[in-house]
Amino acid sequence: MHHIQKIILTTIVFFLISNIAFSKDISTLLSFSHVENQPDNTSTISIEWTAPTIDGDFYYAAFSQGLTFVFSDESYEYDPSDPENVPDQVIPPVQKFNYTTTNTSFSAETDGRYYFNIVIDSDGDYGSTKTIGPFIIDTTAPSPVGVNGLTSTDSNSIELTLEPADAEQICVLLNTTNTAACNWDDIPENRTLVSPTLSEGNNQVYAFFKDVAGNINQASHSVSCSLTENESTQTTEKSVGIPTLDEWGRVLFMGILLFVSMHFIRRKKGVSIDEQ
């Protein structure tokens, strides 16, 4: 009886060891080029992984769009002899890597949600499929965008009305399209802001709109600024207004001068009459 129990125990241990030996799984799977669920306008996705593989093991890997992919489950098992025969979401062909390979990359041709799926083949025995994603590729600039406001003014700034589409941030520049000078700000909820300080004459206002993936689109608005006209109006208003303290001083001085002059004239006339 003791001998039978020993045989059964040995069989169980051998079975467990066999499963550990032949069923291997990916340890870590990550991307340094993209963040999961974060839109990005970089179309090339780079992937790295680690696993407890040895000589004779292989990796099967595939990118998929829209849905994940499992190499082996109750209803499906990938056949390495036909790498093109895969579900619709898989981007063929499935790649086969030597056990020493630890990275790969893929360049998406269209915008979308992408996954990377990988499994270890150890002597024909598949481990568990490891998946990372989605990586959201978005290379489409926000559109349509626009910026509007007064087309002429005698002020040094105007209010701008924004049409940002699905953009998240904005940068407004005057008479230049060099976005290196941009300080990106969140788009105001009321979709209005004040223009940069305008120069005398014609001005071109450029509004740059950036979405969460980093795509940029631009719109522009022309405005003519006449500051001299405003200054001339202010001068006219000043001349017909109440005299300033300095002007009152001049009036008082002229009054005193006139009074003294009249006094001397009268005095001189009085002397002449007495002499006669």
C-alpha atoms as a PDB file:
ATOM      1  CA  MET A   1       0.000   0.000   0.000  1.00  0.00           C
ATOM      2  CA  HIS A   2       2.824   2.356   0.888  1.00  0.00           C
ATOM      3  CA  HIS A   3       4.517   1.520  -2.419  1.00  0.00           C
ATOM      4  CA  ILE A   4       1.362   2.429  -4.380  1.00  0.00           C
ATOM      5  CA  GLN A   5       1.077   5.796  -2.609  1.00  0.00           C
ATOM      6  CA  LYS A   6       4.708   6.537  -3.442  1.00  0.00           C
ATOM      7  CA  ILE A   7       4.093   5.790  -7.128  1.00  0.00           C
ATOM      8  CA  ILE A   8       1.007   8.027  -7.202  1.00  0.00           C
ATOM      9  CA  LEU A   9       2.885  10.875  -5.493  1.00  0.00           C
ATOM     10  CA  THR A  10       5.826  10.537  -7.893  1.00  0.00           C
ATOM     11  CA  THR A  11       3.433  10.655 -10.850  1.00  0.00           C
ATOM     12  CA  ILE A  12       1.769  13.827  -9.579  1.00  0.00           C
ATOM     13  CA  VAL A  13       5.128  15.534  -9.001  1.00  0.00           C
ATOM     14  CA  PHE A  14       6.328  14.505 -12.464  1.00  0.00           C
ATOM     15  CA  PHE A  15       3.122  15.867 -13.998  1.00  0.00           C
ATOM     16  CA  LEU A  16       3.531  19.211 -12.235  1.00  0.00           C
ATOM     17  CA  ILE A  17       7.203  19.473 -13.202  1.00  0.00           C
ATOM     18  CA  SER A  18       6.328  18.616 -16.798  1.00  0.00           C
ATOM     19  CA  ASN A  19       3.750  21.406 -16.941  1.00  0.00           C
ATOM     20  CA  ILE A  20       6.195  23.887 -15.466  1.00  0.00           C
ATOM     21  CA  ALA A  21       8.852  22.830 -17.929  1.00  0.00           C
ATOM     22  CA  PHE A  22       6.740  23.020 -21.035  1.00  0.00           C
ATOM     23  CA  SER A  23       4.184  25.737 -20.278  1.00  0.00           C
ATOM     24  CA  LYS A  24       6.083  29.026 -20.181  1.00  0.00           C
ATOM     25  CA  ASP A  25       4.699  32.532 -20.021  1.00  0.00           C
ATOM     26  CA  ILE A  26       5.981  36.014 -20.777  1.00  0.00           C
ATOM     27  CA  SER A  27       7.261  37.672 -17.605  1.00  0.00           C
ATOM     28  CA  THR A  28       7.131  41.358 -18.571  1.00  0.00           C
ATOM     29  CA  LEU A  29       5.753  43.162 -21.598  1.00  0.00           C
ATOM     30  CA  LEU A  30       6.063  46.910 -22.120  1.00  0.00           C
ATOM     31  CA  SER A  31       6.491  49.779 -24.568  1.00  0.00           C
ATOM     32  CA  PHE A  32       8.857  52.719 -24.210  1.00  0.00           C
ATOM     33  CA  SER A  33       7.424  54.496 -27.265  1.00  0.00           C
ATOM     34  CA  HIS A  34       3.731  54.619 -26.293  1.00  0.00           C
ATOM     35  CA  VAL A  35       1.412  54.672 -23.300  1.00  0.00           C
ATOM     36  CA  GLU A  36      -1.654  52.463 -23.219  1.00  0.00           C
ATOM     37  CA  ASN A  37      -4.958  54.268 -23.871  1.00  0.00           C
ATOM     38  CA  GLN A  38      -3.099  57.506 -24.622  1.00  0.00           C
ATOM     39  CA  PRO A  39      -3.518  59.006 -28.137  1.00  0.00           C
ATOM     40  CA  ASP A  40      -0.168  59.498 -29.862  1.00  0.00           C
ATOM     41  CA  ASN A  41       0.757  60.767 -33.331  1.00  0.00           C
ATOM     42  CA  THR A  42       3.875  58.560 -33.505  1.00  0.00           C
ATOM     43  CA  SER A  43       2.901  55.711 -35.821  1.00  0.00           C
ATOM     44  CA  THR A  44       5.754  53.323 -34.945  1.00  0.00           C
ATOM     45  CA  ILE A  45       5.108  51.215 -31.836  1.00  0.00           C
ATOM     46  CA  SER A  46       8.121  49.634 -30.115  1.00  0.00           C
ATOM     47  CA  ILE A  47       7.709  46.639 -27.788  1.00  0.00           C
ATOM     48  CA  GLU A  48      10.088  44.859 -25.370  1.00  0.00           C
ATOM     49  CA  TRP A  49       9.654  41.756 -23.212  1.00  0.00           C
ATOM     50  CA  THR A  50      11.362  39.295 -20.894  1.00  0.00           C
ATOM     51  CA  ALA A  51      10.661  35.574 -20.448  1.00  0.00           C
ATOM     52  CA  PRO A  52      12.213  32.375 -18.976  1.00  0.00           C
ATOM     53  CA  THR A  53      13.052  30.874 -22.366  1.00  0.00           C
ATOM     54  CA  ILE A  54      15.865  28.473 -23.279  1.00  0.00           C
ATOM     55  CA  ASP A  55      17.451  27.177 -26.450  1.00  0.00           C
ATOM     56  CA  GLY A  56      14.762  25.477 -28.521  1.00  0.00           C
ATOM     57  CA  ASP A  57      11.938  27.809 -27.428  1.00  0.00           C
ATOM     58  CA  PHE A  58      10.298  30.225 -29.841  1.00  0.00           C
ATOM     59  CA  TYR A  59       8.034  33.254 -29.656  1.00  0.00           C
ATOM     60  CA  TYR A  60       4.994  33.824 -31.859  1.00  0.00           C
ATOM     61  CA  ALA A  61       3.905  37.453 -31.931  1.00  0.00           C
ATOM     62  CA  ALA A  62       1.374  39.554 -33.783  1.00  0.00           C
ATOM     63  CA  PHE A  63      -0.084  43.031 -33.711  1.00  0.00           C
ATOM     64  CA  SER A  64      -3.849  43.286 -33.916  1.00  0.00           C
ATOM     65  CA  GLN A  65      -6.188  46.209 -34.561  1.00  0.00           C
ATOM     66  CA  GLY A  66      -9.357  46.858 -32.608  1.00  0.00           C
ATOM     67  CA  LEU A  67      -9.317  43.558 -30.693  1.00  0.00           C
ATOM     68  CA  THR A  68      -6.824  41.394 -28.820  1.00  0.00           C
ATOM     69  CA  PHE A  69      -5.701  37.988 -30.107  1.00  0.00           C
ATOM     70  CA  VAL A  70      -5.170  34.707 -28.220  1.00  0.00           C
ATOM     71  CA  PHE A  71      -2.889  32.118 -29.834  1.00  0.00           C
ATOM     72  CA  SER A  72      -4.538  29.160 -28.138  1.00  0.00           C
ATOM     73  CA  ASP A  73      -7.839  28.732 -26.318  1.00  0.00           C
ATOM     74  CA  GLU A  74     -10.779  26.326 -26.268  1.00  0.00           C
ATOM     75  CA  SER A  75     -11.985  27.335 -29.722  1.00  0.00           C
ATOM     76  CA  TYR A  76      -8.783  28.200 -31.581  1.00  0.00           C
ATOM     77  CA  GLU A  77      -5.122  27.276 -31.822  1.00  0.00           C
ATOM     78  CA  TYR A  78      -2.641  29.066 -34.024  1.00  0.00           C
ATOM     79  CA  ASP A  79      -1.037  26.903 -36.722  1.00  0.00           C
ATOM     80  CA  PRO A  80       2.588  27.993 -37.387  1.00  0.00           C
ATOM     81  CA  SER A  81       2.543  26.296 -40.783  1.00  0.00           C
ATOM     82  CA  ASP A  82      -0.013  28.845 -42.011  1.00  0.00           C
ATOM     83  CA  PRO A  83       0.931  32.265 -40.512  1.00  0.00           C
ATOM     84  CA  GLU A  84      -1.497  34.100 -42.820  1.00  0.00           C
ATOM     85  CA  ASN A  85      -4.520  32.132 -41.611  1.00  0.00           C
ATOM     86  CA  VAL A  86      -5.452  34.246 -38.606  1.00  0.00           C
ATOM     87  CA  PRO A  87      -8.564  36.098 -37.367  1.00  0.00           C
ATOM     88  CA  ASP A  88      -9.501  39.358 -39.101  1.00  0.00           C
ATOM     89  CA  GLN A  89      -8.175  41.629 -36.343  1.00  0.00           C
ATOM     90  CA  VAL A  90      -4.661  40.197 -36.647  1.00  0.00           C
ATOM     91  CA  ILE A  91      -2.225  42.033 -38.908  1.00  0.00           C
ATOM     92  CA  PRO A  92      -0.499  39.241 -40.848  1.00  0.00           C
ATOM     93  CA  PRO A  93       1.854  37.602 -40.967  1.00  0.00           C
ATOM     94  CA  VAL A  94       2.415  36.326 -37.441  1.00  0.00           C
ATOM     95  CA  GLN A  95       6.094  36.725 -36.541  1.00  0.00           C
ATOM     96  CA  LYS A  96       8.268  33.900 -35.252  1.00  0.00           C
ATOM     97  CA  PHE A  97      11.223  34.904 -33.064  1.00  0.00           C
ATOM     98  CA  ASN A  98      14.174  33.001 -31.667  1.00  0.00           C
ATOM     99  CA  TYR A  99      14.269  32.686 -27.863  1.00  0.00           C
ATOM    100  CA  THR A 100      17.050  35.324 -27.666  1.00  0.00           C
ATOM    101  CA  THR A 101      14.869  38.039 -29.254  1.00  0.00           C
ATOM    102  CA  THR A 102      13.410  40.497 -26.741  1.00  0.00           C
ATOM    103  CA  ASN A 103      11.959  43.346 -28.826  1.00  0.00           C
ATOM    104  CA  THR A 104      10.129  44.260 -32.009  1.00  0.00           C
ATOM    105  CA  SER A 105       8.350  47.224 -33.600  1.00  0.00           C
ATOM    106  CA  PHE A 106       5.471  47.945 -35.934  1.00  0.00           C
ATOM    107  CA  SER A 107       4.520  50.977 -38.071  1.00  0.00           C
ATOM    108  CA  ALA A 108       0.772  51.547 -38.302  1.00  0.00           C
ATOM    109  CA  GLU A 109      -0.477  52.684 -41.712  1.00  0.00           C
ATOM    110  CA  THR A 110      -3.822  53.975 -40.427  1.00  0.00           C
ATOM    111  CA  ASP A 111      -5.142  55.571 -37.257  1.00  0.00           C
ATOM    112  CA  GLY A 112      -6.682  53.154 -34.783  1.00  0.00           C
ATOM    113  CA  ARG A 113      -6.334  51.118 -31.589  1.00  0.00           C
ATOM    114  CA  TYR A 114      -3.524  48.545 -31.714  1.00  0.00           C
ATOM    115  CA  TYR A 115      -2.526  45.626 -29.487  1.00  0.00           C
ATOM    116  CA  PHE A 116       0.587  43.473 -29.314  1.00  0.00           C
ATOM    117  CA  ASN A 117       0.077  39.775 -28.565  1.00  0.00           C
ATOM    118  CA  ILE A 118       2.846  37.251 -27.848  1.00  0.00           C
ATOM    119  CA  VAL A 119       3.144  33.634 -26.724  1.00  0.00           C
ATOM    120  CA  ILE A 120       5.979  31.175 -25.988  1.00  0.00           C
ATOM    121  CA  ASP A 121       6.158  27.902 -27.922  1.00  0.00           C
ATOM    122  CA  SER A 122       8.128  25.393 -25.862  1.00  0.00           C
ATOM    123  CA  ASP A 123       8.426  22.114 -27.812  1.00  0.00           C
ATOM    124  CA  GLY A 124       5.001  22.637 -29.358  1.00  0.00           C
ATOM    125  CA  ASP A 125       3.318  23.581 -26.110  1.00  0.00           C
ATOM    126  CA  TYR A 126       1.894  27.131 -26.021  1.00  0.00           C
ATOM    127  CA  GLY A 127       1.991  29.137 -22.830  1.00  0.00           C
ATOM    128  CA  SER A 128      -0.514  31.882 -22.019  1.00  0.00           C
ATOM    129  CA  THR A 129      -0.860  34.691 -24.538  1.00  0.00           C
ATOM    130  CA  LYS A 130       0.393  37.991 -23.142  1.00  0.00           C
ATOM    131  CA  THR A 131      -1.177  41.187 -24.543  1.00  0.00           C
ATOM    132  CA  ILE A 132      -0.392  44.886 -24.199  1.00  0.00           C
ATOM    133  CA  GLY A 133      -2.492  47.807 -25.478  1.00  0.00           C
ATOM    134  CA  PRO A 134      -4.456  49.471 -26.781  1.00  0.00           C
ATOM    135  CA  PHE A 135      -2.020  51.933 -28.290  1.00  0.00           C
ATOM    136  CA  ILE A 136      -4.102  54.690 -29.867  1.00  0.00           C
ATOM    137  CA  ILE A 137      -2.517  55.997 -33.061  1.00  0.00           C
ATOM    138  CA  ASP A 138      -3.923  59.400 -34.051  1.00  0.00           C
ATOM    139  CA  THR A 139      -2.153  61.311 -36.817  1.00  0.00           C
ATOM    140  CA  THR A 140      -5.134  63.463 -37.845  1.00  0.00           C
ATOM    141  CA  ALA A 141      -4.943  67.181 -37.047  1.00  0.00           C
ATOM    142  CA  PRO A 142      -7.982  68.833 -35.387  1.00  0.00           C
ATOM    143  CA  SER A 143     -10.347  70.187 -38.050  1.00  0.00           C
ATOM    144  CA  PRO A 144     -12.039  72.462 -38.877  1.00  0.00           C
ATOM    145  CA  VAL A 145     -10.432  75.204 -36.825  1.00  0.00           C
ATOM    146  CA  GLY A 146     -10.833  78.967 -37.002  1.00  0.00           C
ATOM    147  CA  VAL A 147     -10.152  82.316 -35.323  1.00  0.00           C
ATOM    148  CA  ASN A 148     -12.260  85.462 -35.760  1.00  0.00           C
ATOM    149  CA  GLY A 149     -12.386  89.038 -34.490  1.00  0.00           C
ATOM    150  CA  LEU A 150     -12.472  92.705 -35.547  1.00  0.00           C
ATOM    151  CA  THR A 151     -10.793  93.436 -38.863  1.00  0.00           C
ATOM    152  CA  SER A 152      -9.876  97.029 -37.927  1.00  0.00           C
ATOM    153  CA  THR A 153      -9.314  98.775 -34.614  1.00  0.00           C
ATOM    154  CA  ASP A 154      -7.783 101.827 -32.968  1.00  0.00           C
ATOM    155  CA  SER A 155      -6.892  99.746 -29.890  1.00  0.00           C
ATOM    156  CA  ASN A 156      -3.682  97.764 -29.357  1.00  0.00           C
ATOM    157  CA  SER A 157      -5.562  94.465 -28.930  1.00  0.00           C
ATOM    158  CA  ILE A 158      -8.826  92.751 -29.914  1.00  0.00           C
ATOM    159  CA  GLU A 159     -10.934  89.888 -28.597  1.00  0.00           C
ATOM    160  CA  LEU A 160     -10.598  86.668 -30.588  1.00  0.00           C
ATOM    161  CA  THR A 161     -13.284  84.002 -30.973  1.00  0.00           C
ATOM    162  CA  LEU A 162     -11.942  80.455 -31.354  1.00  0.00           C
ATOM    163  CA  GLU A 163     -13.215  77.453 -33.293  1.00  0.00           C
ATOM    164  CA  PRO A 164     -11.019  74.634 -31.898  1.00  0.00           C
ATOM    165  CA  ALA A 165     -12.758  71.453 -33.169  1.00  0.00           C
ATOM    166  CA  ASP A 166     -11.391  68.667 -30.888  1.00  0.00           C
ATOM    167  CA  ALA A 167      -8.170  70.511 -29.965  1.00  0.00           C
ATOM    168  CA  GLU A 168      -7.119  70.716 -26.315  1.00  0.00           C
ATOM    169  CA  GLN A 169      -4.548  73.540 -26.363  1.00  0.00           C
ATOM    170  CA  ILE A 170      -3.905  76.776 -28.213  1.00  0.00           C
ATOM    171  CA  CYS A 171      -1.039  79.128 -28.986  1.00  0.00           C
ATOM    172  CA  VAL A 172      -1.603  82.576 -30.511  1.00  0.00           C
ATOM    173  CA  LEU A 173       1.252  84.361 -32.288  1.00  0.00           C
ATOM    174  CA  LEU A 174       1.468  87.723 -34.038  1.00  0.00           C
ATOM    175  CA  ASN A 175       3.034  88.030 -37.497  1.00  0.00           C
ATOM    176  CA  THR A 176       4.958  84.737 -37.209  1.00  0.00           C
ATOM    177  CA  THR A 177       4.305  81.010 -37.640  1.00  0.00           C
ATOM    178  CA  ASN A 178       7.310  79.852 -35.610  1.00  0.00           C
ATOM    179  CA  THR A 179       5.674  77.516 -33.079  1.00  0.00           C
ATOM    180  CA  ALA A 180       9.003  77.172 -31.240  1.00  0.00           C
ATOM    181  CA  ALA A 181       7.966  80.429 -29.568  1.00  0.00           C
ATOM    182  CA  CYS A 182       4.684  78.926 -28.357  1.00  0.00           C
ATOM    183  CA  ASN A 183       3.514  78.798 -24.767  1.00  0.00           C
ATOM    184  CA  TRP A 184       0.667  76.319 -25.026  1.00  0.00           C
ATOM    185  CA  ASP A 185      -2.449  77.061 -22.957  1.00  0.00           C
ATOM    186  CA  ASP A 186      -5.680  75.154 -22.434  1.00  0.00           C
ATOM    187  CA  ILE A 187      -8.497  76.409 -24.643  1.00  0.00           C
ATOM    188  CA  PRO A 188     -10.821  78.632 -22.541  1.00  0.00           C
ATOM    189  CA  GLU A 189     -14.294  77.260 -21.907  1.00  0.00           C
ATOM    190  CA  ASN A 190     -15.875  80.384 -23.434  1.00  0.00           C
ATOM    191  CA  ARG A 191     -13.609  79.978 -26.481  1.00  0.00           C
ATOM    192  CA  THR A 192     -12.469  83.598 -26.441  1.00  0.00           C
ATOM    193  CA  LEU A 193      -9.181  85.303 -25.594  1.00  0.00           C
ATOM    194  CA  VAL A 194      -7.361  88.601 -26.091  1.00  0.00           C
ATOM    195  CA  SER A 195      -4.915  88.957 -28.965  1.00  0.00           C
ATOM    196  CA  PRO A 196      -1.233  89.772 -28.505  1.00  0.00           C
ATOM    197  CA  THR A 197      -0.340  93.479 -28.550  1.00  0.00           C
ATOM    198  CA  LEU A 198      -0.952  94.775 -32.071  1.00  0.00           C
ATOM    199  CA  SER A 199       1.419  96.936 -34.092  1.00  0.00           C
ATOM    200  CA  GLU A 200       0.526  99.981 -36.125  1.00  0.00           C
ATOM    201  CA  GLY A 201      -0.737  98.927 -39.564  1.00  0.00           C
ATOM    202  CA  ASN A 202      -1.668  95.455 -40.795  1.00  0.00           C
ATOM    203  CA  ASN A 203      -1.339  92.522 -38.402  1.00  0.00           C
ATOM    204  CA  GLN A 204      -1.670  88.777 -38.999  1.00  0.00           C
ATOM    205  CA  VAL A 205      -2.846  86.787 -35.992  1.00  0.00           C
ATOM    206  CA  TYR A 206      -2.023  83.048 -36.132  1.00  0.00           C
ATOM    207  CA  ALA A 207      -3.865  80.593 -33.877  1.00  0.00           C
ATOM    208  CA  PHE A 208      -2.344  77.107 -33.517  1.00  0.00           C
ATOM    209  CA  PHE A 209      -4.595  74.320 -32.218  1.00  0.00           C
ATOM    210  CA  LYS A 210      -3.108  71.121 -30.718  1.00  0.00           C
ATOM    211  CA  ASP A 211      -5.005  67.946 -29.826  1.00  0.00           C
ATOM    212  CA  VAL A 212      -4.160  65.444 -27.087  1.00  0.00           C
ATOM    213  CA  ALA A 213      -2.121  63.326 -29.525  1.00  0.00           C
ATOM    214  CA  GLY A 214       0.114  66.286 -30.417  1.00  0.00           C
ATOM    215  CA  ASN A 215      -1.335  67.004 -33.876  1.00  0.00           C
ATOM    216  CA  ILE A 216      -1.387  70.708 -34.813  1.00  0.00           C
ATOM    217  CA  ASN A 217      -3.576  72.732 -37.154  1.00  0.00           C
ATOM    218  CA  GLN A 218      -3.650  76.487 -37.650  1.00  0.00           C
ATOM    219  CA  ALA A 219      -5.962  79.348 -38.605  1.00  0.00           C
ATOM    220  CA  SER A 220      -5.241  83.027 -39.140  1.00  0.00           C
ATOM    221  CA  HIS A 221      -6.988  86.384 -38.901  1.00  0.00           C
ATOM    222  CA  SER A 222      -6.055  89.790 -40.367  1.00  0.00           C
ATOM    223  CA  VAL A 223      -6.599  93.011 -38.439  1.00  0.00           C
ATOM    224  CA  SER A 224      -5.639  96.595 -39.271  1.00  0.00           C
ATOM    225  CA  CYS A 225      -4.555  98.742 -36.339  1.00  0.00           C
ATOM    226  CA  SER A 226      -4.559 102.569 -36.435  1.00  0.00           C
ATOM    227  CA  LEU A 227      -3.205 103.822 -33.127  1.00  0.00           C
ATOM    228  CA  THR A 228      -2.435 107.366 -34.487  1.00  0.00           C
ATOM    229  CA  GLU A 229      -6.130 107.941 -35.176  1.00  0.00           C
ATOM    230  CA  ASN A 230      -6.900 107.098 -31.569  1.00  0.00           C
ATOM    231  CA  GLU A 231      -4.146 109.440 -30.325  1.00  0.00           C
ATOM    232  CA  SER A 232      -5.440 112.269 -32.566  1.00  0.00           C
ATOM    233  CA  THR A 233      -8.949 111.872 -31.155  1.00  0.00           C
ATOM    234  CA  GLN A 234      -7.587 111.963 -27.626  1.00  0.00           C
ATOM    235  CA  THR A 235      -5.661 115.191 -28.397  1.00  0.00           C
ATOM    236  CA  THR A 236      -8.793 116.873 -29.764  1.00  0.00           C
ATOM    237  CA  GLU A 237     -10.787 115.845 -26.723  1.00  0.00           C
ATOM    238  CA  LYS A 238      -8.041 117.210 -24.513  1.00  0.00           C
ATOM    239  CA  SER A 239      -7.971 120.639 -26.243  1.00  0.00           C
ATOM    240  CA  VAL A 240     -11.691 121.308 -25.687  1.00  0.00           C
ATOM    241  CA  GLY A 241     -11.720 120.005 -22.157  1.00  0.00           C
ATOM    242  CA  ILE A 242     -11.034 121.651 -18.802  1.00  0.00           C
ATOM    243  CA  PRO A 243      -7.584 123.267 -18.632  1.00  0.00           C
ATOM    244  CA  THR A 244      -4.958 121.437 -16.650  1.00  0.00           C
ATOM    245  CA  LEU A 245      -3.165 122.874 -13.637  1.00  0.00           C
ATOM    246  CA  ASP A 246      -0.248 123.865 -15.839  1.00  0.00           C
ATOM    247  CA  GLU A 247      -2.565 125.649 -18.239  1.00  0.00           C
ATOM    248  CA  TRP A 248      -4.255 127.503 -15.348  1.00  0.00           C
ATOM    249  CA  GLY A 249      -0.792 128.738 -14.311  1.00  0.00           C
ATOM    250  CA  ARG A 250      -0.206 130.222 -17.747  1.00  0.00           C
ATOM    251  CA  VAL A 251      -3.607 131.965 -17.666  1.00  0.00           C
ATOM    252  CA  LEU A 252      -2.894 133.411 -14.232  1.00  0.00           C
ATOM    253  CA  PHE A 253       0.546 134.642 -15.317  1.00  0.00           C
ATOM    254  CA  MET A 254      -0.891 136.309 -18.439  1.00  0.00           C
ATOM    255  CA  GLY A 255      -3.600 137.939 -16.296  1.00  0.00           C
ATOM    256  CA  ILE A 256      -1.062 139.345 -13.853  1.00  0.00           C
ATOM    257  CA  LEU A 257       1.101 140.602 -16.722  1.00  0.00           C
ATOM    258  CA  LEU A 258      -1.888 142.307 -18.329  1.00  0.00           C
ATOM    259  CA  PHE A 259      -2.916 143.902 -14.999  1.00  0.00           C
ATOM    260  CA  VAL A 260       0.588 145.278 -14.384  1.00  0.00           C
ATOM    261  CA  SER A 261       0.786 146.649 -17.935  1.00  0.00           C
ATOM    262  CA  MET A 262      -2.578 148.399 -17.619  1.00  0.00           C
ATOM    263  CA  HIS A 263      -1.512 149.856 -14.270  1.00  0.00           C
ATOM    264  CA  PHE A 264       1.644 151.398 -15.715  1.00  0.00           C
ATOM    265  CA  ILE A 265      -0.212 152.773 -18.719  1.00  0.00           C
ATOM    266  CA  ARG A 266      -2.786 154.469 -16.510  1.00  0.00           C
ATOM    267  CA  ARG A 267      -0.079 155.859 -14.305  1.00  0.00           C
ATOM    268  CA  LYS A 268       1.775 157.272 -17.236  1.00  0.00           C
ATOM    269  CA  LYS A 269      -1.365 158.968 -18.511  1.00  0.00           C
ATOM    270  CA  GLY A 270      -1.975 160.492 -15.078  1.00  0.00           C
ATOM    271  CA  VAL A 271       1.525 161.996 -14.982  1.00  0.00           C
ATOM    272  CA  SER A 272       1.102 163.529 -18.435  1.00  0.00           C
ATOM    273  CA  ILE A 273      -2.153 165.269 -17.426  1.00  0.00           C
ATOM    274  CA  ASP A 274      -0.582 166.781 -14.271  1.00  0.00           C
ATOM    275  CA  GLU A 275       2.298 168.238 -16.311  1.00  0.00           C
ATOM    276  CA  GLN A 276      -0.119 170.020 -18.603  1.00  0.00           C
END
